[in-house]
Amino acid sequence: MCYHILRNKEVYSMVNFVIVEDNKFHMIRTKEIVLEFMMKNNFAFKIREVPIVDDKFYEMIKYGNAKQFIYILDFELGNTNAIDVARRIRKYDWKSPIIVFTVNGGMAYDTFKKRLQILDFVNKQYDAEKNLHELFEICFRMLKISKEFRVNTNKGTYCIDYADIKYFCKDATGRKSVIITDVAEYKIPLTLSQIKDLVDDTFVYTHKSYLVNRKRIHLLDWQTLDVNFDNGTSARLLSKTHKKELGELGLPFKQPPKVKFKKTNLKDKVGF
């Protein structure tokens, strides 16, 4: 469990994105994609820009194995290419994910994907942002980095794994919120709308007063308006005003039984 309070020292991992790109425009665009993804993830991170592949770059890899690297390599790199760079990286680092960013498809390089454990080839011209964000999620799982919700309070900084949070709810005043986890509750000085801006789409509104972790939902019971969680607990957190949007997410649900109306003979009813 990760219910630690940060006070004088940081206890979370630094994620290092290494962008190897010799085109200024593509470097800026790739940084923007990384920043957009990481703004929804409360992790310390650094973006290292590598416009030229030289000995300093390989020294960083050779002596930086304890760090969490995610490599994003442009395919064409002056007098070298991503395959040669990946081959050199794998001499020192077999753990970190490698993504190749190219204007060409990567179908012709399937052999290198297996041999050099390249995660994927991403086309810069088609859905680059969406595809990179999906691959970053995979990278986090590969590196065993779990998403965390971090918030500063007068007691310190709460740092709680997404996986441990069931839901957020408004407090009685509506100006603060409560984090509901499997084992404890934490009051924080944020409104639900402020929390929504800090988290990603893991958390969804099931009611105007509740933000629920969709990955913890076992069943939405529209008969009782309960959310049943993966640990066997349940709470009445549903509002029918959110039924349509929750249905579009493909979450498992239980419909209320249909009311059966008994047919009445009109002649019997009026006494004919």
Protein backbone atom coordinates (compact mmCIF):
# COMPACT_ATOMS: atom_id res chain seq x y z
CA MET A 1 0.00 0.00 0.00
CA CYS A 2 1.13 3.52 -0.64
CA TYR A 3 -0.58 5.70 1.98
CA HIS A 4 2.64 7.54 2.75
CA ILE A 5 2.80 11.19 3.74
CA LEU A 6 5.69 13.07 2.16
CA ARG A 7 7.36 15.51 4.51
CA ASN A 8 11.06 16.18 4.07
CA LYS A 9 11.97 13.69 1.40
CA GLU A 10 10.42 12.40 -1.79
CA VAL A 11 9.67 8.69 -1.93
CA TYR A 12 8.45 8.38 -5.50
CA SER A 13 10.31 7.43 -8.68
CA MET A 14 11.59 9.89 -11.23
CA VAL A 15 10.49 9.05 -14.78
CA ASN A 16 13.00 10.09 -17.44
CA PHE A 17 11.74 10.58 -20.99
CA VAL A 18 14.64 10.61 -23.45
CA ILE A 19 13.66 12.16 -26.79
CA VAL A 20 16.22 11.54 -29.51
CA GLU A 21 15.21 13.84 -32.36
CA ASP A 22 17.24 16.06 -34.70
CA ASN A 23 14.26 18.03 -36.07
CA LYS A 24 13.35 21.04 -33.88
CA PHE A 25 9.68 21.03 -34.85
CA HIS A 26 9.27 17.31 -34.09
CA MET A 27 11.22 17.71 -30.84
CA ILE A 28 8.82 20.42 -29.66
CA ARG A 29 5.77 18.40 -30.72
CA THR A 30 6.99 15.25 -28.97
CA LYS A 31 7.68 17.20 -25.77
CA GLU A 32 4.14 18.60 -25.90
CA ILE A 33 2.70 15.09 -26.16
CA VAL A 34 4.77 13.91 -23.18
CA LEU A 35 3.83 16.96 -21.10
CA GLU A 36 0.12 16.54 -21.83
CA PHE A 37 0.27 12.91 -20.69
CA MET A 38 2.31 13.61 -17.55
CA MET A 39 0.18 16.56 -16.41
CA LYS A 40 -2.54 13.99 -15.65
CA ASN A 41 -0.08 11.78 -13.76
CA ASN A 42 1.30 12.96 -10.45
CA PHE A 43 4.88 11.78 -10.96
CA ALA A 44 8.18 13.55 -10.84
CA PHE A 45 9.55 13.43 -14.35
CA LYS A 46 12.24 14.87 -16.55
CA ILE A 47 12.44 15.25 -20.32
CA ARG A 48 15.92 14.89 -21.76
CA GLU A 49 16.36 16.33 -25.26
CA VAL A 50 18.98 14.62 -27.40
CA PRO A 51 19.33 16.38 -30.79
CA ILE A 52 22.69 14.72 -31.49
CA VAL A 53 23.63 11.14 -30.66
CA ASP A 54 27.16 11.17 -29.30
CA ASP A 55 29.35 9.50 -26.68
CA LYS A 56 27.77 11.56 -23.87
CA PHE A 57 24.40 10.10 -24.75
CA TYR A 58 25.68 6.53 -24.51
CA GLU A 59 27.53 7.30 -21.26
CA MET A 60 24.23 8.49 -19.75
CA ILE A 61 22.69 5.13 -20.65
CA LYS A 62 25.68 3.08 -19.50
CA TYR A 63 25.80 4.66 -16.06
CA GLY A 64 22.11 5.34 -15.57
CA ASN A 65 20.65 1.85 -15.24
CA ALA A 66 19.12 2.61 -11.84
CA LYS A 67 16.90 5.26 -13.45
CA GLN A 68 13.52 4.85 -15.13
CA PHE A 69 14.02 5.63 -18.83
CA ILE A 70 11.47 5.77 -21.62
CA TYR A 71 13.24 6.27 -24.96
CA ILE A 72 11.49 7.95 -27.90
CA LEU A 73 13.72 7.70 -30.96
CA ASP A 74 13.31 9.41 -34.30
CA PHE A 75 13.99 6.90 -37.04
CA GLU A 76 16.30 9.01 -39.23
CA LEU A 77 19.07 10.62 -37.19
CA GLY A 78 21.64 12.19 -39.48
CA ASN A 79 24.40 9.65 -39.98
CA THR A 80 22.60 6.95 -37.96
CA ASN A 81 19.08 5.63 -37.33
CA ALA A 82 16.86 4.36 -34.53
CA ILE A 83 17.77 0.70 -35.14
CA ASP A 84 21.48 1.37 -34.62
CA VAL A 85 20.77 3.55 -31.57
CA ALA A 86 18.46 0.89 -30.09
CA ARG A 87 21.16 -1.70 -30.65
CA ARG A 88 23.64 0.42 -28.67
CA ILE A 89 21.08 1.11 -25.92
CA ARG A 90 20.47 -2.61 -25.47
CA LYS A 91 24.15 -3.17 -24.76
CA TYR A 92 23.62 -1.41 -21.42
CA ASP A 93 19.89 -1.26 -20.80
CA TRP A 94 17.47 -4.14 -21.42
CA LYS A 95 14.83 -2.87 -19.02
CA SER A 96 13.71 0.49 -20.41
CA PRO A 97 11.02 0.70 -23.13
CA ILE A 98 11.99 2.01 -26.57
CA ILE A 99 9.49 3.68 -28.90
CA VAL A 100 10.47 4.60 -32.45
CA PHE A 101 8.79 7.72 -33.84
CA THR A 102 8.80 7.67 -37.64
CA VAL A 103 7.09 9.11 -40.72
CA ASN A 104 7.05 5.59 -42.14
CA GLY A 105 5.16 2.56 -40.96
CA GLY A 106 7.03 0.08 -38.79
CA MET A 107 5.73 -3.09 -40.39
CA ALA A 108 9.05 -3.75 -42.14
CA TYR A 109 10.90 -3.75 -38.82
CA ASP A 110 9.09 -6.51 -36.92
CA THR A 111 12.33 -8.50 -36.74
CA PHE A 112 14.06 -5.63 -34.95
CA LYS A 113 11.10 -5.21 -32.57
CA LYS A 114 11.68 -8.73 -31.28
CA ARG A 115 15.46 -8.72 -31.41
CA LEU A 116 15.91 -5.32 -29.75
CA GLN A 117 12.70 -5.39 -27.70
CA ILE A 118 11.39 -2.21 -29.30
CA LEU A 119 7.94 -1.55 -27.90
CA ASP A 120 6.48 -0.16 -31.12
CA PHE A 121 6.92 2.01 -34.19
CA VAL A 122 4.63 5.08 -34.18
CA ASN A 123 3.78 7.03 -37.31
CA LYS A 124 4.18 10.78 -36.70
CA GLN A 125 1.48 11.60 -39.23
CA TYR A 126 -1.42 9.46 -37.95
CA ASP A 127 -2.90 9.70 -34.41
CA ALA A 128 0.58 10.24 -32.96
CA GLU A 129 -0.68 11.72 -29.69
CA LYS A 130 -3.25 8.99 -29.05
CA ASN A 131 -0.83 6.19 -29.95
CA LEU A 132 2.00 7.58 -27.82
CA HIS A 133 -0.27 8.06 -24.80
CA GLU A 134 -1.41 4.43 -25.08
CA LEU A 135 2.21 3.29 -25.29
CA PHE A 136 3.18 5.41 -22.27
CA GLU A 137 0.53 3.53 -20.26
CA ILE A 138 2.21 0.28 -21.33
CA CYS A 139 5.62 1.71 -20.42
CA PHE A 140 4.41 2.52 -16.91
CA ARG A 141 3.21 -1.06 -16.47
CA MET A 142 6.50 -2.43 -17.83
CA LEU A 143 8.47 -0.29 -15.37
CA LYS A 144 5.98 -1.16 -12.61
CA ILE A 145 5.16 2.50 -12.10
CA SER A 146 1.75 2.92 -10.54
CA LYS A 147 -0.23 6.12 -10.93
CA GLU A 148 -0.56 8.19 -7.77
CA PHE A 149 -2.77 10.97 -6.54
CA ARG A 150 -0.74 13.57 -4.64
CA VAL A 151 -2.12 16.58 -2.81
CA ASN A 152 -0.59 19.01 -0.34
CA THR A 153 -2.32 19.58 3.01
CA ASN A 154 -1.30 21.30 6.24
CA LYS A 155 -0.36 17.84 7.55
CA GLY A 156 2.00 17.09 4.67
CA THR A 157 1.47 15.60 1.21
CA TYR A 158 -0.85 12.65 0.69
CA CYS A 159 0.49 10.27 -1.93
CA ILE A 160 -1.99 7.48 -2.69
CA ASP A 161 -1.90 4.90 -5.46
CA TYR A 162 -4.81 5.18 -7.90
CA ALA A 163 -5.40 1.46 -7.39
CA ASP A 164 -6.04 1.99 -3.67
CA ILE A 165 -8.67 4.72 -4.15
CA LYS A 166 -12.30 3.66 -4.49
CA TYR A 167 -13.79 7.11 -4.88
CA PHE A 168 -13.73 10.78 -3.97
CA CYS A 169 -16.78 12.43 -2.43
CA LYS A 170 -17.84 15.92 -1.36
CA ASP A 171 -17.79 16.70 2.32
CA ALA A 172 -20.78 18.32 4.07
CA THR A 173 -19.67 21.83 3.11
CA GLY A 174 -19.03 21.04 -0.56
CA ARG A 175 -15.80 23.03 -0.40
CA LYS A 176 -13.62 20.06 0.54
CA SER A 177 -13.52 16.40 -0.44
CA VAL A 178 -12.84 13.02 1.11
CA ILE A 179 -10.68 10.28 -0.40
CA ILE A 180 -12.23 6.86 0.26
CA THR A 181 -9.72 3.99 0.13
CA ASP A 182 -9.90 0.33 1.13
CA VAL A 183 -8.64 1.00 4.64
CA ALA A 184 -9.02 4.69 5.48
CA GLU A 185 -10.54 8.05 4.61
CA TYR A 186 -8.63 11.30 4.04
CA LYS A 187 -10.13 14.80 4.02
CA ILE A 188 -8.41 17.14 1.56
CA PRO A 189 -8.83 20.88 0.83
CA LEU A 190 -10.00 20.45 -2.78
CA THR A 191 -13.40 20.45 -4.45
CA LEU A 192 -14.43 17.56 -6.70
CA SER A 193 -14.03 19.73 -9.79
CA GLN A 194 -10.47 20.59 -8.74
CA ILE A 195 -9.73 16.88 -8.21
CA LYS A 196 -11.16 16.07 -11.65
CA ASP A 197 -8.67 18.48 -13.19
CA LEU A 198 -5.79 16.68 -11.44
CA VAL A 199 -6.66 13.07 -12.29
CA ASP A 200 -7.04 11.27 -15.60
CA ASP A 201 -10.09 9.44 -16.98
CA THR A 202 -9.62 6.62 -14.45
CA PHE A 203 -12.04 8.61 -12.30
CA VAL A 204 -15.57 9.29 -13.56
CA TYR A 205 -18.60 11.06 -12.17
CA THR A 206 -21.34 8.64 -11.13
CA HIS A 207 -23.19 11.42 -9.31
CA LYS A 208 -22.49 15.14 -8.90
CA SER A 209 -21.09 14.35 -5.44
CA TYR A 210 -18.91 11.34 -6.35
CA LEU A 211 -15.87 10.66 -8.52
CA VAL A 212 -15.41 6.89 -8.76
CA ASN A 213 -12.40 4.83 -9.82
CA ARG A 214 -13.77 3.06 -12.91
CA LYS A 215 -11.07 0.37 -12.66
CA ARG A 216 -12.37 -0.64 -9.23
CA ILE A 217 -16.00 -1.01 -10.37
CA HIS A 218 -17.34 -4.56 -10.35
CA LEU A 219 -20.95 -3.69 -11.13
CA LEU A 220 -23.27 -0.69 -11.46
CA ASP A 221 -26.60 -1.68 -9.96
CA TRP A 222 -29.24 0.64 -11.41
CA GLN A 223 -31.95 -1.02 -9.31
CA THR A 224 -30.43 -0.02 -5.96
CA LEU A 225 -28.20 2.79 -7.34
CA ASP A 226 -25.22 1.05 -5.73
CA VAL A 227 -21.68 0.83 -7.07
CA ASN A 228 -20.27 -2.62 -6.27
CA PHE A 229 -16.49 -2.58 -5.96
CA ASP A 230 -13.88 -5.23 -6.72
CA ASN A 231 -13.21 -5.85 -3.01
CA GLY A 232 -16.82 -6.89 -2.30
CA THR A 233 -17.95 -3.57 -0.80
CA SER A 234 -20.70 -1.36 -2.19
CA ALA A 235 -22.05 2.17 -1.72
CA ARG A 236 -24.99 4.13 -3.07
CA LEU A 237 -23.12 6.43 -5.46
CA LEU A 238 -25.22 6.39 -8.65
CA SER A 239 -27.42 9.05 -10.18
CA LYS A 240 -29.58 8.27 -13.20
CA THR A 241 -28.51 11.59 -14.74
CA HIS A 242 -25.13 9.92 -15.41
CA LYS A 243 -26.54 6.65 -16.72
CA LYS A 244 -25.99 7.41 -20.40
CA GLU A 245 -22.37 8.54 -20.10
CA LEU A 246 -21.51 5.61 -17.80
CA GLY A 247 -23.16 3.23 -20.26
CA GLU A 248 -20.93 4.57 -23.03
CA LEU A 249 -17.86 3.56 -21.01
CA GLY A 250 -18.87 -0.11 -21.25
CA LEU A 251 -18.91 -0.66 -17.48
CA PRO A 252 -20.74 -3.79 -16.22
CA PHE A 253 -24.23 -2.98 -15.00
CA LYS A 254 -27.47 -4.47 -13.69
CA GLN A 255 -30.73 -2.99 -14.95
CA PRO A 256 -33.80 -2.63 -12.71
CA PRO A 257 -36.53 -5.16 -13.55
CA LYS A 258 -39.12 -4.05 -16.05
CA VAL A 259 -42.50 -3.26 -14.54
CA LYS A 260 -45.21 -5.49 -15.96
CA PHE A 261 -48.62 -3.87 -16.30
CA LYS A 262 -51.68 -6.08 -16.03
CA LYS A 263 -54.02 -5.68 -18.96
CA THR A 264 -57.49 -4.55 -17.93
CA ASN A 265 -60.67 -5.24 -19.85
CA LEU A 266 -62.27 -1.85 -20.44
CA LYS A 267 -65.81 -3.31 -20.20
CA ASP A 268 -65.06 -4.83 -16.78
CA LYS A 269 -63.58 -1.54 -15.58
CA VAL A 270 -66.62 0.63 -16.47
CA GLY A 271 -69.18 -2.01 -15.47
CA PHE A 272 -70.67 -2.94 -18.85
